[in-house]
PDB file of N, CA and C in Angstrom:
ATOM      1  N   MET A   1     -23.570 -10.268  16.710  1.00  0.00           N
ATOM      2  CA  MET A   1     -22.554  -9.634  17.523  1.00  0.00           C
ATOM      3  C   MET A   1     -21.752  -8.627  16.694  1.00  0.00           C
ATOM      4  N   LEU A   2     -21.432  -8.984  15.444  1.00  0.00           N
ATOM      5  CA  LEU A   2     -20.667  -8.065  14.590  1.00  0.00           C
ATOM      6  C   LEU A   2     -21.461  -6.797  14.304  1.00  0.00           C
ATOM      7  N   LYS A   3     -22.768  -6.943  14.110  1.00  0.00           N
ATOM      8  CA  LYS A   3     -23.610  -5.763  13.892  1.00  0.00           C
ATOM      9  C   LYS A   3     -23.587  -4.851  15.116  1.00  0.00           C
ATOM     10  N   GLU A   4     -23.587  -5.454  16.294  1.00  0.00           N
ATOM     11  CA  GLU A   4     -23.539  -4.673  17.530  1.00  0.00           C
ATOM     12  C   GLU A   4     -22.217  -3.904  17.629  1.00  0.00           C
ATOM     13  N   ILE A   5     -21.125  -4.564  17.286  1.00  0.00           N
ATOM     14  CA  ILE A   5     -19.818  -3.902  17.292  1.00  0.00           C
ATOM     15  C   ILE A   5     -19.834  -2.723  16.326  1.00  0.00           C
ATOM     16  N   LEU A   6     -20.412  -2.930  15.141  1.00  0.00           N
ATOM     17  CA  LEU A   6     -20.450  -1.869  14.141  1.00  0.00           C
ATOM     18  C   LEU A   6     -21.394  -0.740  14.533  1.00  0.00           C
ATOM     19  N   THR A   7     -22.408  -1.046  15.312  1.00  0.00           N
ATOM     20  CA  THR A   7     -23.292   0.009  15.817  1.00  0.00           C
ATOM     21  C   THR A   7     -22.503   0.926  16.740  1.00  0.00           C
ATOM     22  N   GLN A   8     -21.650   0.339  17.550  1.00  0.00           N
ATOM     23  CA  GLN A   8     -20.832   1.117  18.485  1.00  0.00           C
ATOM     24  C   GLN A   8     -19.647   1.783  17.798  1.00  0.00           C
ATOM     25  N   ASN A   9     -19.099   1.108  16.783  1.00  0.00           N
ATOM     26  CA  ASN A   9     -17.933   1.643  16.080  1.00  0.00           C
ATOM     27  C   ASN A   9     -18.026   1.292  14.593  1.00  0.00           C
ATOM     28  N   PRO A  10     -18.710   2.133  13.803  1.00  0.00           N
ATOM     29  CA  PRO A  10     -18.883   1.847  12.377  1.00  0.00           C
ATOM     30  C   PRO A  10     -17.564   1.809  11.594  1.00  0.00           C
ATOM     31  N   GLN A  11     -16.496   2.309  12.182  1.00  0.00           N
ATOM     32  CA  GLN A  11     -15.189   2.337  11.523  1.00  0.00           C
ATOM     33  C   GLN A  11     -14.387   1.053  11.736  1.00  0.00           C
ATOM     34  N   ASP A  12     -14.914   0.088  12.487  1.00  0.00           N
ATOM     35  CA  ASP A  12     -14.193  -1.139  12.813  1.00  0.00           C
ATOM     36  C   ASP A  12     -14.072  -2.022  11.575  1.00  0.00           C
ATOM     37  N   SER A  13     -12.937  -1.958  10.921  1.00  0.00           N
ATOM     38  CA  SER A  13     -12.724  -2.682   9.667  1.00  0.00           C
ATOM     39  C   SER A  13     -12.796  -4.191   9.853  1.00  0.00           C
ATOM     40  N   PHE A  14     -12.234  -4.685  10.943  1.00  0.00           N
ATOM     41  CA  PHE A  14     -12.227  -6.133  11.171  1.00  0.00           C
ATOM     42  C   PHE A  14     -13.652  -6.661  11.334  1.00  0.00           C
ATOM     43  N   ALA A  15     -14.478  -5.950  12.087  1.00  0.00           N
ATOM     44  CA  ALA A  15     -15.864  -6.375  12.282  1.00  0.00           C
ATOM     45  C   ALA A  15     -16.644  -6.291  10.968  1.00  0.00           C
ATOM     46  N   ARG A  16     -16.425  -5.241  10.192  1.00  0.00           N
ATOM     47  CA  ARG A  16     -17.130  -5.098   8.918  1.00  0.00           C
ATOM     48  C   ARG A  16     -16.706  -6.208   7.951  1.00  0.00           C
ATOM     49  N   TYR A  17     -15.421  -6.539   7.943  1.00  0.00           N
ATOM     50  CA  TYR A  17     -14.926  -7.636   7.104  1.00  0.00           C
ATOM     51  C   TYR A  17     -15.584  -8.949   7.535  1.00  0.00           C
ATOM     52  N   GLY A  18     -15.630  -9.190   8.815  1.00  0.00           N
ATOM     53  CA  GLY A  18     -16.263 -10.408   9.332  1.00  0.00           C
ATOM     54  C   GLY A  18     -17.733 -10.499   8.961  1.00  0.00           C
ATOM     55  N   LEU A  19     -18.430  -9.371   9.045  1.00  0.00           N
ATOM     56  CA  LEU A  19     -19.846  -9.347   8.687  1.00  0.00           C
ATOM     57  C   LEU A  19     -20.022  -9.617   7.192  1.00  0.00           C
ATOM     58  N   ALA A  20     -19.199  -8.994   6.367  1.00  0.00           N
ATOM     59  CA  ALA A  20     -19.260  -9.222   4.919  1.00  0.00           C
ATOM     60  C   ALA A  20     -19.000 -10.693   4.596  1.00  0.00           C
ATOM     61  N   MET A  21     -18.023 -11.280   5.265  1.00  0.00           N
ATOM     62  CA  MET A  21     -17.717 -12.690   5.045  1.00  0.00           C
ATOM     63  C   MET A  21     -18.883 -13.584   5.467  1.00  0.00           C
ATOM     64  N   GLU A  22     -19.515 -13.247   6.565  1.00  0.00           N
ATOM     65  CA  GLU A  22     -20.662 -14.028   7.030  1.00  0.00           C
ATOM     66  C   GLU A  22     -21.784 -13.992   5.992  1.00  0.00           C
ATOM     67  N   TYR A  23     -22.067 -12.813   5.478  1.00  0.00           N
ATOM     68  CA  TYR A  23     -23.090 -12.710   4.429  1.00  0.00           C
ATOM     69  C   TYR A  23     -22.685 -13.501   3.185  1.00  0.00           C
ATOM     70  N   ALA A  24     -21.427 -13.397   2.789  1.00  0.00           N
ATOM     71  CA  ALA A  24     -20.949 -14.134   1.613  1.00  0.00           C
ATOM     72  C   ALA A  24     -21.096 -15.636   1.829  1.00  0.00           C
ATOM     73  N   ASN A  25     -20.746 -16.107   3.013  1.00  0.00           N
ATOM     74  CA  ASN A  25     -20.844 -17.538   3.320  1.00  0.00           C
ATOM     75  C   ASN A  25     -22.287 -18.027   3.324  1.00  0.00           C
ATOM     76  N   ARG A  26     -23.217 -17.138   3.640  1.00  0.00           N
ATOM     77  CA  ARG A  26     -24.642 -17.489   3.633  1.00  0.00           C
ATOM     78  C   ARG A  26     -25.244 -17.400   2.235  1.00  0.00           C
ATOM     79  N   GLY A  27     -24.469 -16.888   1.281  1.00  0.00           N
ATOM     80  CA  GLY A  27     -24.982 -16.729  -0.073  1.00  0.00           C
ATOM     81  C   GLY A  27     -25.754 -15.445  -0.285  1.00  0.00           C
ATOM     82  N   GLU A  28     -25.671 -14.528   0.667  1.00  0.00           N
ATOM     83  CA  GLU A  28     -26.340 -13.229   0.550  1.00  0.00           C
ATOM     84  C   GLU A  28     -25.392 -12.265  -0.159  1.00  0.00           C
ATOM     85  N   VAL A  29     -25.279 -12.476  -1.463  1.00  0.00           N
ATOM     86  CA  VAL A  29     -24.257 -11.812  -2.274  1.00  0.00           C
ATOM     87  C   VAL A  29     -24.364 -10.292  -2.222  1.00  0.00           C
ATOM     88  N   GLU A  30     -25.532  -9.755  -2.505  1.00  0.00           N
ATOM     89  CA  GLU A  30     -25.666  -8.296  -2.566  1.00  0.00           C
ATOM     90  C   GLU A  30     -25.382  -7.638  -1.219  1.00  0.00           C
ATOM     91  N   THR A  31     -25.824  -8.261  -0.140  1.00  0.00           N
ATOM     92  CA  THR A  31     -25.564  -7.714   1.191  1.00  0.00           C
ATOM     93  C   THR A  31     -24.073  -7.789   1.505  1.00  0.00           C
ATOM     94  N   ALA A  32     -23.448  -8.895   1.135  1.00  0.00           N
ATOM     95  CA  ALA A  32     -22.005  -9.042   1.335  1.00  0.00           C
ATOM     96  C   ALA A  32     -21.250  -7.982   0.546  1.00  0.00           C
ATOM     97  N   LEU A  33     -21.635  -7.794  -0.710  1.00  0.00           N
ATOM     98  CA  LEU A  33     -20.949  -6.805  -1.551  1.00  0.00           C
ATOM     99  C   LEU A  33     -21.114  -5.394  -0.995  1.00  0.00           C
ATOM    100  N   ALA A  34     -22.284  -5.106  -0.445  1.00  0.00           N
ATOM    101  CA  ALA A  34     -22.506  -3.789   0.158  1.00  0.00           C
ATOM    102  C   ALA A  34     -21.579  -3.573   1.355  1.00  0.00           C
ATOM    103  N   GLU A  35     -21.405  -4.613   2.156  1.00  0.00           N
ATOM    104  CA  GLU A  35     -20.508  -4.491   3.323  1.00  0.00           C
ATOM    105  C   GLU A  35     -19.053  -4.373   2.879  1.00  0.00           C
ATOM    106  N   PHE A  36     -18.652  -5.147   1.879  1.00  0.00           N
ATOM    107  CA  PHE A  36     -17.287  -5.023   1.365  1.00  0.00           C
ATOM    108  C   PHE A  36     -17.056  -3.614   0.805  1.00  0.00           C
ATOM    109  N   SER A  37     -18.044  -3.091   0.091  1.00  0.00           N
ATOM    110  CA  SER A  37     -17.909  -1.746  -0.480  1.00  0.00           C
ATOM    111  C   SER A  37     -17.752  -0.698   0.613  1.00  0.00           C
ATOM    112  N   LYS A  38     -18.554  -0.820   1.651  1.00  0.00           N
ATOM    113  CA  LYS A  38     -18.457   0.123   2.778  1.00  0.00           C
ATOM    114  C   LYS A  38     -17.081   0.013   3.430  1.00  0.00           C
ATOM    115  N   LEU A  39     -16.606  -1.211   3.609  1.00  0.00           N
ATOM    116  CA  LEU A  39     -15.289  -1.435   4.204  1.00  0.00           C
ATOM    117  C   LEU A  39     -14.201  -0.758   3.373  1.00  0.00           C
ATOM    118  N   LEU A  40     -14.236  -0.971   2.065  1.00  0.00           N
ATOM    119  CA  LEU A  40     -13.196  -0.409   1.209  1.00  0.00           C
ATOM    120  C   LEU A  40     -13.306   1.106   1.092  1.00  0.00           C
ATOM    121  N   GLU A  41     -14.510   1.618   1.257  1.00  0.00           N
ATOM    122  CA  GLU A  41     -14.695   3.073   1.292  1.00  0.00           C
ATOM    123  C   GLU A  41     -14.028   3.650   2.539  1.00  0.00           C
ATOM    124  N   LEU A  42     -14.207   2.970   3.668  1.00  0.00           N
ATOM    125  CA  LEU A  42     -13.648   3.430   4.940  1.00  0.00           C
ATOM    126  C   LEU A  42     -12.161   3.132   5.070  1.00  0.00           C
ATOM    127  N   ASN A  43     -11.729   2.019   4.475  1.00  0.00           N
ATOM    128  CA  ASN A  43     -10.349   1.584   4.624  1.00  0.00           C
ATOM    129  C   ASN A  43      -9.850   0.995   3.299  1.00  0.00           C
ATOM    130  N   PRO A  44      -9.461   1.863   2.363  1.00  0.00           N
ATOM    131  CA  PRO A  44      -9.059   1.380   1.039  1.00  0.00           C
ATOM    132  C   PRO A  44      -7.788   0.529   1.033  1.00  0.00           C
ATOM    133  N   ASP A  45      -7.094   0.434   2.154  1.00  0.00           N
ATOM    134  CA  ASP A  45      -5.888  -0.393   2.237  1.00  0.00           C
ATOM    135  C   ASP A  45      -6.141  -1.750   2.892  1.00  0.00           C
ATOM    136  N   TYR A  46      -7.400  -2.143   3.060  1.00  0.00           N
ATOM    137  CA  TYR A  46      -7.736  -3.447   3.640  1.00  0.00           C
ATOM    138  C   TYR A  46      -7.653  -4.492   2.531  1.00  0.00           C
ATOM    139  N   THR A  47      -6.446  -4.939   2.275  1.00  0.00           N
ATOM    140  CA  THR A  47      -6.131  -5.771   1.116  1.00  0.00           C
ATOM    141  C   THR A  47      -6.990  -7.026   1.016  1.00  0.00           C
ATOM    142  N   ALA A  48      -7.217  -7.710   2.101  1.00  0.00           N
ATOM    143  CA  ALA A  48      -7.979  -8.961   2.059  1.00  0.00           C
ATOM    144  C   ALA A  48      -9.389  -8.761   1.518  1.00  0.00           C
ATOM    145  N   ALA A  49      -9.953  -7.594   1.725  1.00  0.00           N
ATOM    146  CA  ALA A  49     -11.315  -7.336   1.254  1.00  0.00           C
ATOM    147  C   ALA A  49     -11.393  -7.388  -0.268  1.00  0.00           C
ATOM    148  N   TYR A  50     -10.368  -6.909  -0.948  1.00  0.00           N
ATOM    149  CA  TYR A  50     -10.388  -6.937  -2.407  1.00  0.00           C
ATOM    150  C   TYR A  50     -10.456  -8.379  -2.911  1.00  0.00           C
ATOM    151  N   GLN A  51      -9.653  -9.226  -2.314  1.00  0.00           N
ATOM    152  CA  GLN A  51      -9.633 -10.626  -2.740  1.00  0.00           C
ATOM    153  C   GLN A  51     -10.973 -11.299  -2.472  1.00  0.00           C
ATOM    154  N   MET A  52     -11.541 -11.054  -1.305  1.00  0.00           N
ATOM    155  CA  MET A  52     -12.782 -11.723  -0.956  1.00  0.00           C
ATOM    156  C   MET A  52     -13.967 -11.176  -1.734  1.00  0.00           C
ATOM    157  N   VAL A  53     -13.989  -9.878  -2.001  1.00  0.00           N
ATOM    158  CA  VAL A  53     -15.075  -9.335  -2.820  1.00  0.00           C
ATOM    159  C   VAL A  53     -14.956  -9.886  -4.239  1.00  0.00           C
ATOM    160  N   ALA A  54     -13.754 -10.034  -4.736  1.00  0.00           N
ATOM    161  CA  ALA A  54     -13.558 -10.609  -6.073  1.00  0.00           C
ATOM    162  C   ALA A  54     -14.035 -12.054  -6.112  1.00  0.00           C
ATOM    163  N   GLN A  55     -13.717 -12.827  -5.092  1.00  0.00           N
ATOM    164  CA  GLN A  55     -14.174 -14.219  -5.056  1.00  0.00           C
ATOM    165  C   GLN A  55     -15.692 -14.300  -4.972  1.00  0.00           C
ATOM    166  N   THR A  56     -16.295 -13.391  -4.221  1.00  0.00           N
ATOM    167  CA  THR A  56     -17.756 -13.348  -4.118  1.00  0.00           C
ATOM    168  C   THR A  56     -18.366 -13.026  -5.479  1.00  0.00           C
ATOM    169  N   LEU A  57     -17.771 -12.073  -6.176  1.00  0.00           N
ATOM    170  CA  LEU A  57     -18.243 -11.718  -7.514  1.00  0.00           C
ATOM    171  C   LEU A  57     -18.057 -12.872  -8.499  1.00  0.00           C
ATOM    172  N   MET A  58     -16.940 -13.583  -8.390  1.00  0.00           N
ATOM    173  CA  MET A  58     -16.689 -14.729  -9.270  1.00  0.00           C
ATOM    174  C   MET A  58     -17.761 -15.792  -9.078  1.00  0.00           C
ATOM    175  N   LYS A  59     -18.093 -16.082  -7.835  1.00  0.00           N
ATOM    176  CA  LYS A  59     -19.116 -17.092  -7.544  1.00  0.00           C
ATOM    177  C   LYS A  59     -20.472 -16.678  -8.088  1.00  0.00           C
ATOM    178  N   ALA A  60     -20.693 -15.363  -8.164  1.00  0.00           N
ATOM    179  CA  ALA A  60     -21.963 -14.841  -8.675  1.00  0.00           C
ATOM    180  C   ALA A  60     -21.951 -14.704 -10.202  1.00  0.00           C
ATOM    181  N   GLY A  61     -20.849 -15.118 -10.837  1.00  0.00           N
ATOM    182  CA  GLY A  61     -20.757 -15.054 -12.288  1.00  0.00           C
ATOM    183  C   GLY A  61     -20.509 -13.658 -12.837  1.00  0.00           C
ATOM    184  N   ARG A  62     -19.989 -12.780 -12.003  1.00  0.00           N
ATOM    185  CA  ARG A  62     -19.756 -11.395 -12.387  1.00  0.00           C
ATOM    186  C   ARG A  62     -18.256 -11.171 -12.607  1.00  0.00           C
ATOM    187  N   SER A  63     -17.760 -11.801 -13.676  1.00  0.00           N
ATOM    188  CA  SER A  63     -16.322 -11.871 -13.938  1.00  0.00           C
ATOM    189  C   SER A  63     -15.661 -10.512 -14.151  1.00  0.00           C
ATOM    190  N   GLN A  64     -16.290  -9.633 -14.914  1.00  0.00           N
ATOM    191  CA  GLN A  64     -15.655  -8.337 -15.178  1.00  0.00           C
ATOM    192  C   GLN A  64     -15.507  -7.524 -13.894  1.00  0.00           C
ATOM    193  N   GLU A  65     -16.534  -7.534 -13.066  1.00  0.00           N
ATOM    194  CA  GLU A  65     -16.449  -6.826 -11.793  1.00  0.00           C
ATOM    195  C   GLU A  65     -15.361  -7.444 -10.907  1.00  0.00           C
ATOM    196  N   ALA A  66     -15.261  -8.766 -10.941  1.00  0.00           N
ATOM    197  CA  ALA A  66     -14.222  -9.455 -10.167  1.00  0.00           C
ATOM    198  C   ALA A  66     -12.840  -9.043 -10.657  1.00  0.00           C
ATOM    199  N   ARG A  67     -12.661  -8.964 -11.973  1.00  0.00           N
ATOM    200  CA  ARG A  67     -11.372  -8.518 -12.524  1.00  0.00           C
ATOM    201  C   ARG A  67     -11.023  -7.109 -12.036  1.00  0.00           C
ATOM    202  N   ASP A  68     -12.016  -6.239 -12.079  1.00  0.00           N
ATOM    203  CA  ASP A  68     -11.788  -4.855 -11.645  1.00  0.00           C
ATOM    204  C   ASP A  68     -11.333  -4.807 -10.179  1.00  0.00           C
ATOM    205  N   LYS A  69     -11.991  -5.590  -9.339  1.00  0.00           N
ATOM    206  CA  LYS A  69     -11.622  -5.608  -7.910  1.00  0.00           C
ATOM    207  C   LYS A  69     -10.243  -6.228  -7.713  1.00  0.00           C
ATOM    208  N   LEU A  70      -9.925  -7.267  -8.477  1.00  0.00           N
ATOM    209  CA  LEU A  70      -8.598  -7.875  -8.361  1.00  0.00           C
ATOM    210  C   LEU A  70      -7.510  -6.896  -8.787  1.00  0.00           C
ATOM    211  N   GLU A  71      -7.750  -6.152  -9.850  1.00  0.00           N
ATOM    212  CA  GLU A  71      -6.759  -5.161 -10.275  1.00  0.00           C
ATOM    213  C   GLU A  71      -6.562  -4.090  -9.207  1.00  0.00           C
ATOM    214  N   ALA A  72      -7.670  -3.647  -8.604  1.00  0.00           N
ATOM    215  CA  ALA A  72      -7.565  -2.670  -7.514  1.00  0.00           C
ATOM    216  C   ALA A  72      -6.856  -3.289  -6.315  1.00  0.00           C
ATOM    217  N   GLY A  73      -7.145  -4.554  -6.043  1.00  0.00           N
ATOM    218  CA  GLY A  73      -6.514  -5.249  -4.923  1.00  0.00           C
ATOM    219  C   GLY A  73      -5.028  -5.456  -5.131  1.00  0.00           C
ATOM    220  N   ILE A  74      -4.636  -5.759  -6.351  1.00  0.00           N
ATOM    221  CA  ILE A  74      -3.211  -5.925  -6.664  1.00  0.00           C
ATOM    222  C   ILE A  74      -2.487  -4.603  -6.453  1.00  0.00           C
ATOM    223  N   ALA A  75      -3.107  -3.526  -6.880  1.00  0.00           N
ATOM    224  CA  ALA A  75      -2.514  -2.196  -6.668  1.00  0.00           C
ATOM    225  C   ALA A  75      -2.410  -1.886  -5.174  1.00  0.00           C
ATOM    226  N   CYS A  76      -3.440  -2.254  -4.420  1.00  0.00           N
ATOM    227  CA  CYS A  76      -3.422  -2.046  -2.968  1.00  0.00           C
ATOM    228  C   CYS A  76      -2.319  -2.873  -2.325  1.00  0.00           C
ATOM    229  N   ALA A  77      -2.205  -4.134  -2.728  1.00  0.00           N
ATOM    230  CA  ALA A  77      -1.182  -5.009  -2.160  1.00  0.00           C
ATOM    231  C   ALA A  77       0.216  -4.487  -2.468  1.00  0.00           C
ATOM    232  N   ALA A  78       0.402  -3.962  -3.666  1.00  0.00           N
ATOM    233  CA  ALA A  78       1.704  -3.388  -4.020  1.00  0.00           C
ATOM    234  C   ALA A  78       1.985  -2.157  -3.172  1.00  0.00           C
ATOM    235  N   ARG A  79       0.961  -1.327  -3.001  1.00  0.00           N
ATOM    236  CA  ARG A  79       1.088  -0.093  -2.223  1.00  0.00           C
ATOM    237  C   ARG A  79       1.412  -0.372  -0.750  1.00  0.00           C
ATOM    238  N   THR A  80       0.818  -1.449  -0.209  1.00  0.00           N
ATOM    239  CA  THR A  80       0.995  -1.767   1.210  1.00  0.00           C
ATOM    240  C   THR A  80       2.097  -2.785   1.466  1.00  0.00           C
ATOM    241  N   GLY A  81       2.721  -3.288   0.397  1.00  0.00           N
ATOM    242  CA  GLY A  81       3.821  -4.235   0.551  1.00  0.00           C
ATOM    243  C   GLY A  81       3.390  -5.646   0.920  1.00  0.00           C
ATOM    244  N   ASN A  82       2.172  -6.030   0.544  1.00  0.00           N
ATOM    245  CA  ASN A  82       1.660  -7.359   0.863  1.00  0.00           C
ATOM    246  C   ASN A  82       1.870  -8.285  -0.347  1.00  0.00           C
ATOM    247  N   ALA A  83       3.072  -8.840  -0.449  1.00  0.00           N
ATOM    248  CA  ALA A  83       3.449  -9.655  -1.601  1.00  0.00           C
ATOM    249  C   ALA A  83       2.623 -10.938  -1.694  1.00  0.00           C
ATOM    250  N   HIS A  84       2.292 -11.535  -0.561  1.00  0.00           N
ATOM    251  CA  HIS A  84       1.514 -12.777  -0.565  1.00  0.00           C
ATOM    252  C   HIS A  84       0.122 -12.542  -1.151  1.00  0.00           C
ATOM    253  N   ALA A  85      -0.562 -11.522  -0.672  1.00  0.00           N
ATOM    254  CA  ALA A  85      -1.900 -11.213  -1.185  1.00  0.00           C
ATOM    255  C   ALA A  85      -1.825 -10.833  -2.661  1.00  0.00           C
ATOM    256  N   ARG A  86      -0.800 -10.109  -3.017  1.00  0.00           N
ATOM    257  CA  ARG A  86      -0.634  -9.714  -4.423  1.00  0.00           C
ATOM    258  C   ARG A  86      -0.518 -10.946  -5.317  1.00  0.00           C
ATOM    259  N   ALA A  87       0.300 -11.911  -4.908  1.00  0.00           N
ATOM    260  CA  ALA A  87       0.484 -13.139  -5.692  1.00  0.00           C
ATOM    261  C   ALA A  87      -0.819 -13.926  -5.804  1.00  0.00           C
ATOM    262  N   GLU A  88      -1.564 -14.009  -4.713  1.00  0.00           N
ATOM    263  CA  GLU A  88      -2.831 -14.741  -4.742  1.00  0.00           C
ATOM    264  C   GLU A  88      -3.829 -14.073  -5.686  1.00  0.00           C
ATOM    265  N   MET A  89      -3.903 -12.745  -5.620  1.00  0.00           N
ATOM    266  CA  MET A  89      -4.842 -12.041  -6.487  1.00  0.00           C
ATOM    267  C   MET A  89      -4.404 -12.087  -7.958  1.00  0.00           C
ATOM    268  N   GLU A  90      -3.106 -12.071  -8.200  1.00  0.00           N
ATOM    269  CA  GLU A  90      -2.615 -12.208  -9.582  1.00  0.00           C
ATOM    270  C   GLU A  90      -2.997 -13.578 -10.138  1.00  0.00           C
ATOM    271  N   ALA A  91      -2.906 -14.608  -9.304  1.00  0.00           N
ATOM    272  CA  ALA A  91      -3.291 -15.961  -9.736  1.00  0.00           C
ATOM    273  C   ALA A  91      -4.797 -16.022 -10.040  1.00  0.00           C
ATOM    274  N   LEU A  92      -5.611 -15.393  -9.198  1.00  0.00           N
ATOM    275  CA  LEU A  92      -7.048 -15.358  -9.467  1.00  0.00           C
ATOM    276  C   LEU A  92      -7.346 -14.597 -10.755  1.00  0.00           C
ATOM    277  N   LEU A  93      -6.648 -13.509 -10.958  1.00  0.00           N
ATOM    278  CA  LEU A  93      -6.844 -12.715 -12.160  1.00  0.00           C
ATOM    279  C   LEU A  93      -6.479 -13.537 -13.406  1.00  0.00           C
ATOM    280  N   ASP A  94      -5.411 -14.310 -13.314  1.00  0.00           N
ATOM    281  CA  ASP A  94      -5.013 -15.181 -14.424  1.00  0.00           C
ATOM    282  C   ASP A  94      -6.103 -16.194 -14.756  1.00  0.00           C
ATOM    283  N   GLU A  95      -6.778 -16.699 -13.707  1.00  0.00           N
ATOM    284  CA  GLU A  95      -7.878 -17.647 -13.908  1.00  0.00           C
ATOM    285  C   GLU A  95      -9.029 -17.025 -14.688  1.00  0.00           C
ATOM    286  N   LEU A  96      -9.232 -15.732 -14.492  1.00  0.00           N
ATOM    287  CA  LEU A  96     -10.342 -15.042 -15.150  1.00  0.00           C
ATOM    288  C   LEU A  96     -10.034 -14.620 -16.579  1.00  0.00           C
ATOM    289  N   ARG A  97      -8.779 -14.684 -16.952  1.00  0.00           N
ATOM    290  CA  ARG A  97      -8.397 -14.259 -18.306  1.00  0.00           C
ATOM    291  C   ARG A  97      -8.572 -15.370 -19.303  1.00  0.00           C
TER     292      ARG A  97
END
């Protein structure tokens, strides 16, 4: 269903996020990362995507890439005023250090 929504409206950030999460939950890491990347390309202020792409990268053992995404996500959260997401991503970043 999410793919159908995206066929009709490729700019739908919520549907793209949902699709990326579905792939991540299935363990389809590369496909999930591709969807997260497309989402962030289309909507660089979608703060939750940074956190979830970082968690996906962490599970895949790709710590440096996860750090990079968390740093970008923290900057996004600061820019958009999302203090809760910023705190969560800072805590994840601390775990990786």
